Protein backbone atom coordinates (compact mmCIF):
# COMPACT_ATOMS: atom_id res chain seq x y z
CA MET A 1 94.59 131.05 56.74
CA THR A 2 96.15 129.76 53.51
CA ALA A 3 93.76 128.65 50.78
CA VAL A 4 94.32 125.22 49.27
CA PRO A 5 94.80 125.46 45.51
CA GLY A 6 91.57 124.57 43.75
CA SER A 7 89.43 125.23 46.82
CA VAL A 8 87.19 128.19 47.49
CA GLY A 9 88.54 130.55 50.07
CA PRO A 10 86.37 132.43 52.54
CA GLU A 11 86.40 135.64 50.55
CA ARG A 12 85.22 133.87 47.35
CA HIS A 13 82.69 131.80 49.20
CA GLU A 14 80.94 134.89 50.44
CA ARG A 15 80.39 136.09 46.86
CA ILE A 16 78.77 132.86 45.66
CA HIS A 17 75.03 132.74 46.41
CA PRO A 18 72.50 130.11 45.32
CA ARG A 19 69.83 131.38 42.86
CA PRO A 20 66.69 132.10 44.86
CA ALA A 21 63.84 129.67 44.15
CA ARG A 22 60.91 131.12 42.21
CA SER A 23 57.90 131.60 44.36
CA LYS A 24 54.67 129.77 43.62
CA ILE A 25 53.14 133.15 42.81
CA GLN A 26 55.72 133.64 40.04
CA ARG A 27 55.33 130.12 38.65
CA VAL A 28 51.51 129.95 38.49
CA PRO A 29 50.92 132.68 35.85
CA ARG A 30 53.52 131.10 33.58
CA LEU A 31 51.96 127.67 34.02
CA VAL A 32 48.51 129.03 33.22
CA ALA A 33 49.86 130.80 30.13
CA ALA A 34 51.53 127.60 28.93
CA LEU A 35 48.35 125.57 29.38
CA LEU A 36 46.28 128.17 27.54
CA ALA A 37 48.75 128.13 24.66
CA ILE A 38 48.49 124.35 24.39
CA LEU A 39 44.69 124.40 24.53
CA CYS A 40 44.53 127.06 21.83
CA LEU A 41 46.67 125.09 19.39
CA PRO A 42 44.64 123.51 16.56
CA SER A 43 44.60 119.75 16.96
CA LEU A 44 43.57 117.61 14.04
CA ALA A 45 44.08 114.54 16.18
CA SER A 46 41.25 115.60 18.51
CA ALA A 47 38.72 116.00 15.69
CA GLN A 48 36.34 113.06 15.36
CA PRO A 49 34.58 112.27 12.08
CA GLY A 50 30.87 112.98 12.06
CA ALA A 51 28.30 110.21 12.19
CA LEU A 52 26.96 108.62 9.01
CA VAL A 53 23.21 108.04 8.69
CA VAL A 54 22.77 105.38 6.01
CA VAL A 55 19.17 104.62 4.99
CA GLY A 56 18.12 101.67 2.83
CA GLY A 57 15.48 103.63 0.88
CA GLY A 58 11.73 103.23 0.92
CA GLY A 59 11.04 106.15 3.25
CA THR A 60 12.97 107.77 6.08
CA GLY A 61 10.98 107.15 9.26
CA PRO A 62 10.55 109.72 12.03
CA GLU A 63 12.93 107.89 14.37
CA ILE A 64 15.69 108.06 11.75
CA VAL A 65 15.03 111.74 11.02
CA ALA A 66 14.99 112.56 14.75
CA LYS A 67 18.31 110.77 15.30
CA ALA A 68 19.99 112.54 12.39
CA LEU A 69 18.82 115.92 13.68
CA GLU A 70 19.93 115.11 17.22
CA LEU A 71 23.42 114.29 15.93
CA SER A 72 23.64 117.43 13.80
CA GLY A 73 22.47 120.13 16.21
CA GLY A 74 18.76 119.61 16.80
CA LYS A 75 16.79 122.82 16.32
CA HIS A 76 20.04 124.53 15.30
CA ALA A 77 20.74 122.04 12.49
CA ILE A 78 21.58 123.41 9.06
CA VAL A 79 20.85 120.84 6.34
CA ALA A 80 22.40 120.90 2.87
CA VAL A 81 20.38 118.68 0.51
CA LEU A 82 22.23 117.36 -2.56
CA PRO A 83 19.61 116.17 -5.10
CA GLN A 84 21.98 115.27 -7.96
CA SER A 85 21.06 111.54 -7.95
CA SER A 86 17.77 112.46 -9.61
CA ALA A 87 17.05 114.16 -12.93
CA LEU A 88 13.63 115.43 -11.81
CA ALA A 89 13.20 119.21 -11.70
CA ASP A 90 11.81 119.10 -8.17
CA ALA A 91 14.40 116.62 -6.87
CA GLY A 92 15.31 117.36 -3.28
CA ASP A 93 12.22 119.44 -2.52
CA ASP A 94 10.63 116.70 -0.43
CA SER A 95 13.84 116.30 1.56
CA VAL A 96 14.03 120.02 2.28
CA LYS A 97 10.42 119.94 3.47
CA MET A 98 11.06 116.85 5.61
CA TRP A 99 13.98 118.42 7.48
CA LEU A 100 12.22 121.75 8.02
CA GLU A 101 9.07 120.05 9.31
CA ALA A 102 11.23 117.93 11.63
CA GLY A 103 12.59 121.10 13.23
CA ALA A 104 15.86 121.96 11.48
CA ALA A 105 16.80 125.64 11.62
CA GLU A 106 17.60 125.69 7.89
CA ALA A 107 17.36 123.30 4.96
CA ALA A 108 18.07 124.06 1.32
CA LYS A 109 19.09 122.37 -1.91
CA VAL A 110 22.67 122.73 -3.06
CA ILE A 111 23.13 123.05 -6.82
CA PHE A 112 26.54 122.29 -8.30
CA ASP A 113 26.32 124.88 -11.11
CA ASP A 114 27.60 127.62 -8.79
CA ARG A 115 30.56 125.87 -7.20
CA SER A 116 31.48 128.75 -4.92
CA ALA A 117 27.97 128.94 -3.47
CA ALA A 118 27.82 125.15 -3.21
CA ALA A 119 31.13 125.05 -1.34
CA SER A 120 29.95 127.73 1.09
CA ALA A 121 26.69 125.85 1.73
CA LEU A 122 28.55 122.59 2.43
CA ARG A 123 30.93 124.32 4.84
CA ARG A 124 28.01 125.87 6.77
CA ALA A 125 26.00 122.68 7.00
CA THR A 126 25.81 120.53 10.11
CA LEU A 127 24.08 117.79 8.10
CA ILE A 128 24.81 116.95 4.45
CA TRP A 129 21.98 114.84 3.04
CA MET A 130 21.69 112.98 -0.28
CA PRO A 131 18.26 111.69 -1.40
CA GLY A 132 17.67 108.75 -3.76
CA GLY A 133 17.87 108.29 -7.49
CA ASP A 134 20.88 106.92 -9.37
CA GLN A 135 24.21 106.81 -7.55
CA ASN A 136 26.14 106.79 -10.83
CA ARG A 137 24.42 110.03 -11.82
CA PHE A 138 25.43 111.64 -8.52
CA MET A 139 29.09 110.66 -8.84
CA LYS A 140 29.18 111.91 -12.43
CA ALA A 141 27.64 115.24 -11.38
CA ILE A 142 30.12 115.83 -8.58
CA GLU A 143 33.19 114.69 -10.53
CA GLY A 144 35.66 117.49 -11.15
CA THR A 145 33.82 120.06 -9.02
CA GLY A 146 36.05 119.75 -5.95
CA LEU A 147 32.90 119.39 -3.84
CA ALA A 148 33.51 115.72 -3.01
CA GLU A 149 36.72 116.76 -1.31
CA ILE A 150 34.83 119.37 0.71
CA ILE A 151 32.28 116.75 1.82
CA ARG A 152 35.12 114.49 2.97
CA GLU A 153 36.82 117.39 4.73
CA ARG A 154 33.65 118.42 6.56
CA HIS A 155 32.91 114.82 7.57
CA ARG A 156 36.43 114.44 9.00
CA ALA A 157 35.84 117.65 10.96
CA GLY A 158 32.65 116.31 12.56
CA THR A 159 29.80 117.13 10.16
CA VAL A 160 27.06 114.48 9.95
CA VAL A 161 26.57 113.05 6.46
CA GLY A 162 23.74 110.79 5.35
CA GLY A 163 21.60 109.62 2.52
CA THR A 164 18.93 107.21 1.41
CA SER A 165 18.92 104.64 -1.41
CA ALA A 166 21.36 106.02 -4.02
CA GLY A 167 22.37 108.62 -1.45
CA ALA A 168 23.37 105.76 0.84
CA ALA A 169 25.29 103.88 -1.85
CA VAL A 170 27.61 106.84 -2.57
CA LEU A 171 28.85 106.92 1.04
CA ALA A 172 31.02 103.83 0.47
CA GLU A 173 34.43 103.75 -1.16
CA ALA A 174 33.46 100.72 -3.28
CA MET A 175 30.00 101.61 -4.62
CA PHE A 176 27.52 99.30 -6.35
CA THR A 177 26.71 100.55 -9.85
CA GLY A 178 23.63 98.34 -10.24
CA ASP A 179 25.28 95.98 -12.73
CA ALA A 180 25.26 92.48 -11.24
CA ASP A 181 24.13 88.89 -11.69
CA LEU A 182 21.26 88.53 -9.22
CA LYS A 183 20.62 84.86 -9.94
CA SER A 184 23.98 83.23 -9.16
CA LEU A 185 27.18 83.61 -7.13
CA THR A 186 29.63 84.36 -9.90
CA ALA A 187 33.13 85.85 -9.59
CA GLY A 188 33.54 89.30 -11.10
CA ALA A 189 29.86 89.67 -11.97
CA THR A 190 29.15 92.55 -9.60
CA VAL A 191 30.42 95.87 -10.95
CA ILE A 192 31.85 98.35 -8.45
CA ALA A 193 32.74 102.03 -8.94
CA ARG A 194 34.30 104.62 -6.63
CA GLY A 195 31.97 106.43 -4.25
CA LEU A 196 32.69 109.27 -1.82
CA GLY A 197 34.67 106.98 0.47
CA LEU A 198 33.23 108.19 3.78
CA TRP A 199 32.69 104.59 4.93
CA PRO A 200 35.62 102.78 3.28
CA ASP A 201 35.40 99.48 5.18
CA VAL A 202 32.12 98.26 3.72
CA LEU A 203 29.97 97.50 0.71
CA ILE A 204 26.55 99.17 1.16
CA ASP A 205 23.52 97.53 -0.44
CA GLN A 206 20.12 99.18 -0.09
CA HIS A 207 16.47 98.01 -0.57
CA PHE A 208 18.13 94.78 0.50
CA LEU A 209 15.34 92.42 1.55
CA LYS A 210 12.61 94.11 -0.47
CA ARG A 211 14.53 93.60 -3.74
CA GLN A 212 16.20 90.30 -2.77
CA ARG A 213 19.75 91.50 -3.29
CA ASP A 214 21.45 88.84 -1.20
CA ASN A 215 23.21 87.21 -4.19
CA ARG A 216 24.64 90.55 -5.24
CA LEU A 217 26.06 91.32 -1.82
CA ILE A 218 27.44 87.83 -1.20
CA SER A 219 29.18 87.83 -4.59
CA ALA A 220 30.64 91.30 -4.03
CA VAL A 221 31.95 90.38 -0.58
CA MET A 222 33.55 87.15 -1.83
CA ASP A 223 35.22 89.12 -4.62
CA ARG A 224 36.48 91.61 -1.99
CA PRO A 225 36.72 89.73 1.33
CA THR A 226 38.44 92.59 3.15
CA LEU A 227 35.21 94.60 2.90
CA VAL A 228 32.16 93.91 5.06
CA GLY A 229 28.83 93.72 3.28
CA VAL A 230 26.01 95.72 4.88
CA GLY A 231 22.59 95.09 3.35
CA ILE A 232 20.04 97.65 4.61
CA ASP A 233 16.36 97.08 4.00
CA GLU A 234 13.78 99.75 3.23
CA GLY A 235 12.65 102.02 6.05
CA THR A 236 15.77 101.06 7.96
CA ALA A 237 19.06 102.81 8.70
CA VAL A 238 22.44 102.28 10.28
CA VAL A 239 24.07 105.09 12.24
CA VAL A 240 27.83 104.78 11.96
CA LYS A 241 30.17 106.11 14.63
CA GLY A 242 33.79 105.10 14.77
CA GLY A 243 34.18 101.41 14.08
CA SER A 244 30.60 100.32 14.76
CA PHE A 245 27.02 101.02 13.77
CA GLU A 246 23.57 100.88 15.34
CA VAL A 247 20.36 99.89 13.53
CA LEU A 248 17.23 102.08 13.45
CA GLY A 249 13.91 101.67 11.68
CA LYS A 250 11.27 99.09 10.92
CA SER A 251 13.09 96.26 9.15
CA SER A 252 16.43 94.43 9.21
CA VAL A 253 20.08 94.78 8.30
CA VAL A 254 22.09 91.80 7.06
CA VAL A 255 25.86 91.80 7.56
CA ILE A 256 28.13 89.48 5.54
CA ASP A 257 31.66 89.39 6.93
CA ALA A 258 34.31 87.31 5.14
CA ARG A 259 37.37 88.79 6.84
CA GLY A 260 37.94 85.61 8.84
CA ALA A 261 36.73 83.24 6.13
CA HIS A 262 38.56 81.11 3.62
CA VAL A 263 37.53 82.30 0.15
CA ASP A 264 38.79 80.27 -2.81
CA LYS A 265 40.46 82.10 -5.66
CA THR A 266 38.08 82.03 -8.60
CA PRO A 267 38.64 83.42 -12.10
CA PRO A 268 36.03 85.88 -13.46
CA GLY A 269 32.91 84.05 -14.56
CA GLY A 270 33.54 81.05 -12.32
CA LEU A 271 31.34 79.96 -9.46
CA LEU A 272 32.43 81.46 -6.15
CA SER A 273 33.19 79.23 -3.17
CA GLY A 274 34.31 79.75 0.39
CA ARG A 275 33.89 78.63 3.96
CA ASP A 276 33.17 80.19 7.34
CA LEU A 277 31.62 83.45 6.18
CA LYS A 278 29.98 85.23 9.10
CA VAL A 279 26.36 86.30 8.61
CA SER A 280 24.51 88.51 11.11
CA VAL A 281 20.90 89.69 10.99
CA LEU A 282 20.11 92.79 13.05
CA HIS A 283 17.08 94.94 13.83
CA ALA A 284 16.44 98.25 15.59
CA GLY A 285 18.44 98.73 18.79
CA GLN A 286 21.13 96.23 17.85
CA SER A 287 24.66 97.11 16.81
CA TYR A 288 27.68 95.67 15.00
CA SER A 289 31.39 96.33 15.46
CA LEU A 290 33.69 96.31 12.45
CA LYS A 291 36.81 96.22 14.60
């Protein structure tokens, strides 16, 4: 039989064999190994920021303490207390006692003088807590230590961070300094400084109803309408997860949202004006979405 040029003759055809298919037994171990390799890869995308527990001052009630501990490990919680908002020698002692009595495994003050020890304490903590005092004093104390960056890093990795009064104020990116006109709605009258930036979408005002700070918050929001004003009264907290928060405690939270409003451009010192600001008043068990 004569072979046609370009075709495969019988003798060549016998030497060409299809590659045998791999058995399922051969494929399974490799599949398992591949899946294990993927699962073992570090994934920053899968990490969720920790909750924020933001208290308006005037006492941290048992329901707020219990919720913070639940979020940070319960009886296994390790609490780092940062007392730098206060100049008192015993600042932070009451907070340490509160967390230990509530059932935390450990609670201790973190002093910034020894930065290495402070950094280690922050990295071990499952809850980083900042008591009240003066928020400007806290930010001055932490400036240049590198510890603010560690707090942000740990929060991004899932650590719960919270505070009360001044310790609540520092959680925002745009932080109230305390300088404001409380008797009018005047452009540029409310002074803002940079906080830790853990909750960058809002302006946090504390002792809100008790100290009648509505003018301050409205003015600040109208000056910065992309930020949502959250006024938290005493004995009350918001627990922030993702793009929403839930209210806990005995009083109310007032939300002033100008993102969909028309706010007139006003030069500093002029009277503010705008239309269609959204105002919400919330109490325990209710929530608000910032999305």
